[in-house]
Each structure stands twice: as structure tokens, then as C-alpha cells.
C-alpha atoms as a PDB file:
ATOM      1  CA  MET A   1      71.802   6.161 -35.538  1.00  0.00           C
ATOM      2  CA  SER A   2      73.215   8.659 -38.054  1.00  0.00           C
ATOM      3  CA  LYS A   3      72.105   8.655 -41.659  1.00  0.00           C
ATOM      4  CA  ASP A   4      74.589   7.813 -44.413  1.00  0.00           C
ATOM      5  CA  GLN A   5      75.812  10.651 -46.602  1.00  0.00           C
ATOM      6  CA  THR A   6      76.920  10.497 -50.217  1.00  0.00           C
ATOM      7  CA  TYR A   7      80.535  11.224 -51.039  1.00  0.00           C
ATOM      8  CA  LEU A   8      82.268  11.583 -54.380  1.00  0.00           C
ATOM      9  CA  ALA A   9      85.480   9.579 -54.584  1.00  0.00           C
ATOM     10  CA  ILE A  10      87.718  10.947 -57.333  1.00  0.00           C
ATOM     11  CA  ASN A  11      90.462   8.679 -58.632  1.00  0.00           C
ATOM     12  CA  LEU A  12      93.590  10.820 -58.872  1.00  0.00           C
ATOM     13  CA  SER A  13      95.956   8.190 -60.288  1.00  0.00           C
ATOM     14  CA  ASP A  14      95.977   9.652 -63.808  1.00  0.00           C
ATOM     15  CA  PHE A  15      96.309  13.165 -62.398  1.00  0.00           C
ATOM     16  CA  HIS A  16      99.420  12.167 -60.444  1.00  0.00           C
ATOM     17  CA  GLN A  17     100.986  10.479 -63.477  1.00  0.00           C
ATOM     18  CA  ASN A  18     100.414  13.496 -65.765  1.00  0.00           C
ATOM     19  CA  GLN A  19     101.879  16.358 -63.763  1.00  0.00           C
ATOM     20  CA  ASN A  20     104.329  17.188 -66.551  1.00  0.00           C
ATOM     21  CA  GLY A  21     102.451  20.273 -67.720  1.00  0.00           C
ATOM     22  CA  ASN A  22      99.710  18.337 -69.510  1.00  0.00           C
ATOM     23  CA  ALA A  23      96.415  19.751 -68.261  1.00  0.00           C
ATOM     24  CA  LEU A  24      94.327  16.905 -69.690  1.00  0.00           C
ATOM     25  CA  THR A  25      93.758  14.013 -67.293  1.00  0.00           C
ATOM     26  CA  VAL A  26      91.127  11.336 -66.827  1.00  0.00           C
ATOM     27  CA  ALA A  27      89.229  11.176 -63.539  1.00  0.00           C
ATOM     28  CA  GLU A  28      87.084   8.255 -62.452  1.00  0.00           C
ATOM     29  CA  ILE A  29      84.368   9.243 -59.988  1.00  0.00           C
ATOM     30  CA  ARG A  30      82.573   6.811 -57.691  1.00  0.00           C
ATOM     31  CA  PHE A  31      79.642   7.506 -55.387  1.00  0.00           C
ATOM     32  CA  ILE A  32      80.087   6.172 -51.851  1.00  0.00           C
ATOM     33  CA  ASN A  33      77.401   6.109 -49.160  1.00  0.00           C
ATOM     34  CA  ALA A  34      79.035   6.232 -45.732  1.00  0.00           C
ATOM     35  CA  LYS A  35      78.421   7.479 -42.187  1.00  0.00           C
ATOM     36  CA  ASN A  36      81.231  10.036 -42.489  1.00  0.00           C
ATOM     37  CA  VAL A  37      84.236  10.979 -44.602  1.00  0.00           C
ATOM     38  CA  GLU A  38      86.571   8.726 -42.603  1.00  0.00           C
ATOM     39  CA  SER A  39      84.348   5.725 -43.358  1.00  0.00           C
ATOM     40  CA  ALA A  40      84.341   6.620 -47.045  1.00  0.00           C
ATOM     41  CA  LYS A  41      88.142   6.830 -47.042  1.00  0.00           C
ATOM     42  CA  ALA A  42      88.406   3.520 -45.208  1.00  0.00           C
ATOM     43  CA  HIS A  43      86.253   1.915 -47.912  1.00  0.00           C
ATOM     44  CA  LEU A  44      88.626   3.188 -50.593  1.00  0.00           C
ATOM     45  CA  ARG A  45      91.715   2.015 -48.681  1.00  0.00           C
ATOM     46  CA  GLU A  46      90.182  -1.457 -48.391  1.00  0.00           C
ATOM     47  CA  PHE A  47      88.971  -1.943 -51.964  1.00  0.00           C
ATOM     48  CA  TYR A  48      91.404   0.268 -53.928  1.00  0.00           C
ATOM     49  CA  PRO A  49      94.638   0.253 -51.869  1.00  0.00           C
ATOM     50  CA  ASN A  50      96.986   0.954 -54.778  1.00  0.00           C
ATOM     51  CA  GLU A  51      95.239   4.039 -56.146  1.00  0.00           C
ATOM     52  CA  ALA A  52      95.138   7.682 -55.064  1.00  0.00           C
ATOM     53  CA  TRP A  53      91.666   9.059 -54.269  1.00  0.00           C
ATOM     54  CA  GLY A  54      90.198  12.387 -53.190  1.00  0.00           C
ATOM     55  CA  VAL A  55      86.948  12.325 -51.214  1.00  0.00           C
ATOM     56  CA  VAL A  56      84.447  15.206 -51.248  1.00  0.00           C
ATOM     57  CA  PRO A  57      80.947  15.349 -49.751  1.00  0.00           C
ATOM     58  CA  LYS A  58      78.472  15.340 -52.639  1.00  0.00           C
ATOM     59  CA  ARG A  59      76.588  18.288 -51.146  1.00  0.00           C
ATOM     60  CA  THR A  60      79.815  20.360 -51.250  1.00  0.00           C
ATOM     61  CA  MET A  61      80.247  19.538 -54.919  1.00  0.00           C
ATOM     62  CA  ASP A  62      76.558  20.290 -55.599  1.00  0.00           C
ATOM     63  CA  GLN A  63      76.893  23.718 -53.945  1.00  0.00           C
ATOM     64  CA  ASN A  64      79.887  24.611 -56.110  1.00  0.00           C
ATOM     65  CA  ILE A  65      78.831  23.543 -59.590  1.00  0.00           C
ATOM     66  CA  VAL A  66      79.672  26.054 -62.324  1.00  0.00           C
ATOM     67  CA  THR A  67      77.097  25.937 -65.092  1.00  0.00           C
ATOM     68  CA  LYS A  68      77.370  26.776 -68.751  1.00  0.00           C
ATOM     69  CA  ASN A  69      76.039  30.232 -69.529  1.00  0.00           C
ATOM     70  CA  LEU A  70      73.593  29.647 -72.393  1.00  0.00           C
ATOM     71  CA  GLU A  71      72.746  33.338 -72.777  1.00  0.00           C
ATOM     72  CA  THR A  72      76.237  34.350 -73.934  1.00  0.00           C
ATOM     73  CA  GLU A  73      76.361  31.426 -76.355  1.00  0.00           C
ATOM     74  CA  CYS A  74      73.169  32.557 -78.121  1.00  0.00           C
ATOM     75  CA  ALA A  75      74.176  36.228 -78.311  1.00  0.00           C
END
């Protein structure tokens, strides 16, 4: 039996509606525990069928976080 993984589901509905050059959009993020990415996407299709979502493994997001550089702010 495989262990569930955590995925970030990012609601892209506002992003799709604001592609007129406006860089500011609102993104809802939900955490989904699932066996694999296909199961996470199936969950979203079932419970949120009328919205656009992107699904990313949480560990991928964690590995690519860009942090604020506090040293340059204090200089």
C-alpha cells in the first residue's frame, strides 16, 4: 500500500479571467492528500468541476521556495 502524498491545488479561475495585462490575481490554494497526482486531479474534477486548477506536489513547491533576503533589507 502506497502512502498518500500532499499536493497543492491552485485555483486558476481568477488568473484566467485577468489575462488582460493585469499582473495582480487572486489564487486560492488547497492542500490535498492523495495516492498520486491523478487522484488529486480526480478529486478536484469531482468537487470543483467548474473551476480551473493546477496541481503541484508540495515537496516540489517546498524545494523551490524563494525567500526574502533580510540582509539586503537591513543594509
